[in-house]
PDB file of all heavy atoms in Angstrom:
ATOM      1  N   ASN A   1       0.808  -1.223   0.000  1.00  0.00           N
ATOM      2  CA  ASN A   1       0.000   0.000   0.000  1.00  0.00           C
ATOM      3  C   ASN A   1       0.840   1.272   0.000  1.00  0.00           C
ATOM      4  O   ASN A   1       0.387   2.312  -0.494  1.00  0.00           O
ATOM      5  CB  ASN A   1      -0.933   0.008   1.216  1.00  0.00           C
ATOM      6  CG  ASN A   1      -2.043  -1.010   1.103  1.00  0.00           C
ATOM      7  OD1 ASN A   1      -2.494  -1.324   0.008  1.00  0.00           O
ATOM      8  ND2 ASN A   1      -2.478  -1.553   2.231  1.00  0.00           N
ATOM      9  N   HIS A   2       2.047   1.204   0.548  1.00  0.00           N
ATOM     10  CA  HIS A   2       2.879   2.411   0.688  1.00  0.00           C
ATOM     11  C   HIS A   2       4.340   2.120   0.332  1.00  0.00           C
ATOM     12  O   HIS A   2       5.247   2.356   1.146  1.00  0.00           O
ATOM     13  CB  HIS A   2       2.793   2.941   2.126  1.00  0.00           C
ATOM     14  CG  HIS A   2       1.406   3.186   2.605  1.00  0.00           C
ATOM     15  ND1 HIS A   2       0.652   4.285   2.210  1.00  0.00           N
ATOM     16  CD2 HIS A   2       0.606   2.461   3.433  1.00  0.00           C
ATOM     17  CE1 HIS A   2      -0.542   4.227   2.780  1.00  0.00           C
ATOM     18  NE2 HIS A   2      -0.597   3.132   3.521  1.00  0.00           N
ATOM     19  N   PRO A   3       4.597   1.626  -0.881  1.00  0.00           N
ATOM     20  CA  PRO A   3       5.973   1.250  -1.230  1.00  0.00           C
ATOM     21  C   PRO A   3       6.951   2.421  -1.170  1.00  0.00           C
ATOM     22  O   PRO A   3       8.151   2.224  -0.927  1.00  0.00           O
ATOM     23  CB  PRO A   3       5.840   0.701  -2.650  1.00  0.00           C
ATOM     24  CG  PRO A   3       4.581   1.300  -3.187  1.00  0.00           C
ATOM     25  CD  PRO A   3       3.667   1.424  -2.006  1.00  0.00           C
ATOM     26  N   GLU A   4       6.428   3.632  -1.380  1.00  0.00           N
ATOM     27  CA  GLU A   4       7.308   4.799  -1.403  1.00  0.00           C
ATOM     28  C   GLU A   4       7.891   5.124  -0.022  1.00  0.00           C
ATOM     29  O   GLU A   4       8.874   5.856   0.098  1.00  0.00           O
ATOM     30  CB  GLU A   4       6.552   6.021  -1.950  1.00  0.00           C
ATOM     31  CG  GLU A   4       5.462   6.582  -1.038  1.00  0.00           C
ATOM     32  CD  GLU A   4       4.126   5.837  -1.092  1.00  0.00           C
ATOM     33  OE1 GLU A   4       4.063   4.750  -1.708  1.00  0.00           O
ATOM     34  OE2 GLU A   4       3.151   6.354  -0.516  1.00  0.00           O
ATOM     35  N   PHE A   5       7.302   4.563   1.036  1.00  0.00           N
ATOM     36  CA  PHE A   5       7.780   4.836   2.384  1.00  0.00           C
ATOM     37  C   PHE A   5       8.862   3.847   2.837  1.00  0.00           C
ATOM     38  O   PHE A   5       9.566   4.109   3.807  1.00  0.00           O
ATOM     39  CB  PHE A   5       6.620   4.766   3.390  1.00  0.00           C
ATOM     40  CG  PHE A   5       5.795   6.018   3.451  1.00  0.00           C
ATOM     41  CD1 PHE A   5       4.823   6.271   2.489  1.00  0.00           C
ATOM     42  CD2 PHE A   5       5.981   6.955   4.462  1.00  0.00           C
ATOM     43  CE1 PHE A   5       4.057   7.419   2.532  1.00  0.00           C
ATOM     44  CE2 PHE A   5       5.225   8.109   4.516  1.00  0.00           C
ATOM     45  CZ  PHE A   5       4.266   8.356   3.549  1.00  0.00           C
ATOM     46  N   VAL A   6       8.959   2.710   2.147  1.00  0.00           N
ATOM     47  CA  VAL A   6       9.806   1.618   2.650  1.00  0.00           C
ATOM     48  C   VAL A   6      11.037   1.434   1.768  1.00  0.00           C
ATOM     49  O   VAL A   6      10.932   1.313   0.546  1.00  0.00           O
ATOM     50  CB  VAL A   6       9.007   0.303   2.744  1.00  0.00           C
ATOM     51  CG1 VAL A   6       9.863  -0.794   3.376  1.00  0.00           C
ATOM     52  CG2 VAL A   6       7.734   0.506   3.568  1.00  0.00           C
ATOM     53  N   HIS A   7      12.179   1.400   2.408  1.00  0.00           N
ATOM     54  CA  HIS A   7      13.451   1.234   1.718  1.00  0.00           C
ATOM     55  C   HIS A   7      13.764  -0.237   1.466  1.00  0.00           C
ATOM     56  O   HIS A   7      14.225  -0.627   0.384  1.00  0.00           O
ATOM     57  CB  HIS A   7      14.561   1.865   2.572  1.00  0.00           C
ATOM     58  CG  HIS A   7      15.941   1.657   2.060  1.00  0.00           C
ATOM     59  ND1 HIS A   7      16.690   0.530   2.353  1.00  0.00           N
ATOM     60  CD2 HIS A   7      16.731   2.432   1.271  1.00  0.00           C
ATOM     61  CE1 HIS A   7      17.869   0.623   1.775  1.00  0.00           C
ATOM     62  NE2 HIS A   7      17.924   1.763   1.115  1.00  0.00           N
ATOM     63  N   SER A   8      13.523  -1.081   2.474  1.00  0.00           N
ATOM     64  CA  SER A   8      13.822  -2.508   2.385  1.00  0.00           C
ATOM     65  C   SER A   8      13.005  -3.243   3.439  1.00  0.00           C
ATOM     66  O   SER A   8      12.440  -2.629   4.348  1.00  0.00           O
ATOM     67  CB  SER A   8      15.321  -2.769   2.560  1.00  0.00           C
ATOM     68  OG  SER A   8      15.843  -2.023   3.654  1.00  0.00           O
ATOM     69  N   LEU A   9      12.979  -4.561   3.304  1.00  0.00           N
ATOM     70  CA  LEU A   9      12.064  -5.364   4.109  1.00  0.00           C
ATOM     71  C   LEU A   9      12.806  -6.575   4.675  1.00  0.00           C
ATOM     72  O   LEU A   9      13.612  -7.193   3.981  1.00  0.00           O
ATOM     73  CB  LEU A   9      10.904  -5.812   3.217  1.00  0.00           C
ATOM     74  CG  LEU A   9       9.786  -6.658   3.804  1.00  0.00           C
ATOM     75  CD1 LEU A   9       9.026  -5.905   4.895  1.00  0.00           C
ATOM     76  CD2 LEU A   9       8.809  -7.068   2.688  1.00  0.00           C
ATOM     77  N   VAL A  10      12.521  -6.899   5.951  1.00  0.00           N
ATOM     78  CA  VAL A  10      13.082  -8.092   6.587  1.00  0.00           C
ATOM     79  C   VAL A  10      11.923  -8.901   7.168  1.00  0.00           C
ATOM     80  O   VAL A  10      11.102  -8.371   7.920  1.00  0.00           O
ATOM     81  CB  VAL A  10      14.078  -7.728   7.711  1.00  0.00           C
ATOM     82  CG1 VAL A  10      14.627  -8.994   8.369  1.00  0.00           C
ATOM     83  CG2 VAL A  10      15.214  -6.864   7.172  1.00  0.00           C
ATOM     84  N   LEU A  11      11.853 -10.185   6.798  1.00  0.00           N
ATOM     85  CA  LEU A  11      10.795 -11.068   7.286  1.00  0.00           C
ATOM     86  C   LEU A  11      11.423 -12.243   8.014  1.00  0.00           C
ATOM     87  O   LEU A  11      12.382 -12.854   7.515  1.00  0.00           O
ATOM     88  CB  LEU A  11       9.944 -11.588   6.127  1.00  0.00           C
ATOM     89  CG  LEU A  11       9.252 -10.545   5.244  1.00  0.00           C
ATOM     90  CD1 LEU A  11       8.560 -11.231   4.069  1.00  0.00           C
ATOM     91  CD2 LEU A  11       8.243  -9.729   6.046  1.00  0.00           C
ATOM     92  N   THR A  12      10.881 -12.575   9.171  1.00  0.00           N
ATOM     93  CA  THR A  12      11.355 -13.738   9.912  1.00  0.00           C
ATOM     94  C   THR A  12      10.152 -14.499  10.468  1.00  0.00           C
ATOM     95  O   THR A  12       9.328 -13.923  11.189  1.00  0.00           O
ATOM     96  CB  THR A  12      12.351 -13.327  11.023  1.00  0.00           C
ATOM     97  OG1 THR A  12      12.816 -14.480  11.706  1.00  0.00           O
ATOM     98  CG2 THR A  12      11.772 -12.319  12.004  1.00  0.00           C
ATOM     99  N   GLY A  13       9.993 -15.744  10.065  1.00  0.00           N
ATOM    100  CA  GLY A  13       8.829 -16.517  10.489  1.00  0.00           C
ATOM    101  C   GLY A  13       7.524 -15.829  10.139  1.00  0.00           C
ATOM    102  O   GLY A  13       6.555 -15.889  10.898  1.00  0.00           O
ATOM    103  N   SER A  14       7.477 -15.190   8.989  1.00  0.00           N
ATOM    104  CA  SER A  14       6.316 -14.365   8.629  1.00  0.00           C
ATOM    105  C   SER A  14       5.128 -15.209   8.193  1.00  0.00           C
ATOM    106  O   SER A  14       5.262 -16.194   7.478  1.00  0.00           O
ATOM    107  CB  SER A  14       6.700 -13.414   7.492  1.00  0.00           C
ATOM    108  OG  SER A  14       5.576 -12.651   7.077  1.00  0.00           O
ATOM    109  N   SER A  15       3.942 -14.777   8.617  1.00  0.00           N
ATOM    110  CA  SER A  15       2.723 -15.306   8.013  1.00  0.00           C
ATOM    111  C   SER A  15       2.470 -14.532   6.719  1.00  0.00           C
ATOM    112  O   SER A  15       3.235 -13.651   6.352  1.00  0.00           O
ATOM    113  CB  SER A  15       1.539 -15.197   8.985  1.00  0.00           C
ATOM    114  OG  SER A  15       1.282 -13.852   9.329  1.00  0.00           O
ATOM    115  N   GLY A  16       1.404 -14.878   6.036  1.00  0.00           N
ATOM    116  CA  GLY A  16       1.114 -14.234   4.759  1.00  0.00           C
ATOM    117  C   GLY A  16       0.925 -15.239   3.644  1.00  0.00           C
ATOM    118  O   GLY A  16       0.284 -14.952   2.637  1.00  0.00           O
ATOM    119  N   LEU A  17       1.492 -16.438   3.818  1.00  0.00           N
ATOM    120  CA  LEU A  17       1.245 -17.527   2.880  1.00  0.00           C
ATOM    121  C   LEU A  17       0.428 -18.604   3.589  1.00  0.00           C
ATOM    122  O   LEU A  17      -0.737 -18.791   3.319  1.00  0.00           O
ATOM    123  CB  LEU A  17       2.563 -18.085   2.332  1.00  0.00           C
ATOM    124  CG  LEU A  17       3.321 -17.132   1.399  1.00  0.00           C
ATOM    125  CD1 LEU A  17       4.669 -17.718   0.996  1.00  0.00           C
ATOM    126  CD2 LEU A  17       2.488 -16.814   0.149  1.00  0.00           C
ATOM    127  N   TYR A  18       1.030 -19.296   4.543  1.00  0.00           N
ATOM    128  CA  TYR A  18       0.255 -20.190   5.399  1.00  0.00           C
ATOM    129  C   TYR A  18       1.069 -20.485   6.652  1.00  0.00           C
ATOM    130  O   TYR A  18       2.282 -20.282   6.688  1.00  0.00           O
ATOM    131  CB  TYR A  18      -0.134 -21.479   4.690  1.00  0.00           C
ATOM    132  CG  TYR A  18       1.017 -22.367   4.277  1.00  0.00           C
ATOM    133  CD1 TYR A  18       1.549 -23.330   5.142  1.00  0.00           C
ATOM    134  CD2 TYR A  18       1.562 -22.261   2.998  1.00  0.00           C
ATOM    135  CE1 TYR A  18       2.605 -24.141   4.751  1.00  0.00           C
ATOM    136  CE2 TYR A  18       2.611 -23.073   2.602  1.00  0.00           C
ATOM    137  CZ  TYR A  18       3.126 -24.021   3.485  1.00  0.00           C
ATOM    138  OH  TYR A  18       4.166 -24.814   3.094  1.00  0.00           O
ATOM    139  N   GLU A  19       0.386 -20.919   7.685  1.00  0.00           N
ATOM    140  CA  GLU A  19       1.061 -21.183   8.949  1.00  0.00           C
ATOM    141  C   GLU A  19       0.299 -22.247   9.737  1.00  0.00           C
ATOM    142  O   GLU A  19      -0.887 -22.469   9.521  1.00  0.00           O
ATOM    143  CB  GLU A  19       1.171 -19.900   9.775  1.00  0.00           C
ATOM    144  CG  GLU A  19      -0.176 -19.281  10.109  1.00  0.00           C
ATOM    145  CD  GLU A  19      -0.037 -17.983  10.889  1.00  0.00           C
ATOM    146  OE1 GLU A  19       0.786 -17.944  11.809  1.00  0.00           O
ATOM    147  OE2 GLU A  19      -0.763 -17.028  10.565  1.00  0.00           O
ATOM    148  N   ASN A  20       1.011 -22.887  10.638  1.00  0.00           N
ATOM    149  CA  ASN A  20       0.416 -23.827  11.580  1.00  0.00           C
ATOM    150  C   ASN A  20       0.397 -23.153  12.951  1.00  0.00           C
ATOM    151  O   ASN A  20       1.341 -23.289  13.719  1.00  0.00           O
ATOM    152  CB  ASN A  20       1.241 -25.119  11.650  1.00  0.00           C
ATOM    153  CG  ASN A  20       1.377 -25.779  10.290  1.00  0.00           C
ATOM    154  OD1 ASN A  20       0.422 -25.887   9.550  1.00  0.00           O
ATOM    155  ND2 ASN A  20       2.582 -26.206   9.948  1.00  0.00           N
ATOM    156  N   ALA A  21      -0.640 -22.404  13.216  1.00  0.00           N
ATOM    157  CA  ALA A  21      -0.705 -21.648  14.461  1.00  0.00           C
ATOM    158  C   ALA A  21      -1.294 -22.519  15.568  1.00  0.00           C
ATOM    159  O   ALA A  21      -1.370 -23.739  15.458  1.00  0.00           O
ATOM    160  CB  ALA A  21      -1.530 -20.383  14.257  1.00  0.00           C
ATOM    161  N   MET A  22      -1.755 -21.884  16.631  1.00  0.00           N
ATOM    162  CA  MET A  22      -2.342 -22.636  17.729  1.00  0.00           C
ATOM    163  C   MET A  22      -3.659 -23.291  17.332  1.00  0.00           C
ATOM    164  O   MET A  22      -4.205 -24.093  18.058  1.00  0.00           O
ATOM    165  CB  MET A  22      -2.568 -21.722  18.942  1.00  0.00           C
ATOM    166  CG  MET A  22      -1.300 -21.415  19.715  1.00  0.00           C
ATOM    167  SD  MET A  22      -1.697 -20.677  21.297  1.00  0.00           S
ATOM    168  CE  MET A  22      -0.062 -20.440  21.988  1.00  0.00           C
ATOM    169  N   GLY A  23      -4.138 -22.923  16.165  1.00  0.00           N
ATOM    170  CA  GLY A  23      -5.398 -23.495  15.716  1.00  0.00           C
ATOM    171  C   GLY A  23      -6.489 -22.447  15.705  1.00  0.00           C
ATOM    172  O   GLY A  23      -6.285 -21.307  16.076  1.00  0.00           O
ATOM    173  N   ALA A  24      -7.658 -22.837  15.265  1.00  0.00           N
ATOM    174  CA  ALA A  24      -8.771 -21.898  15.152  1.00  0.00           C
ATOM    175  C   ALA A  24      -9.446 -21.640  16.498  1.00  0.00           C
ATOM    176  O   ALA A  24     -10.348 -20.829  16.598  1.00  0.00           O
ATOM    177  CB  ALA A  24      -9.795 -22.433  14.159  1.00  0.00           C
TER     178      ALA A  24
END
C-alpha cells in the first residue's frame, strides 16, 4: 500500500502464505 515509504524489508517466520498456528 505504501511502497514509497519503505526502503527494504526483513521477514522472519512471517505469516502471509500459510502457517500452523495454535489453531482456530
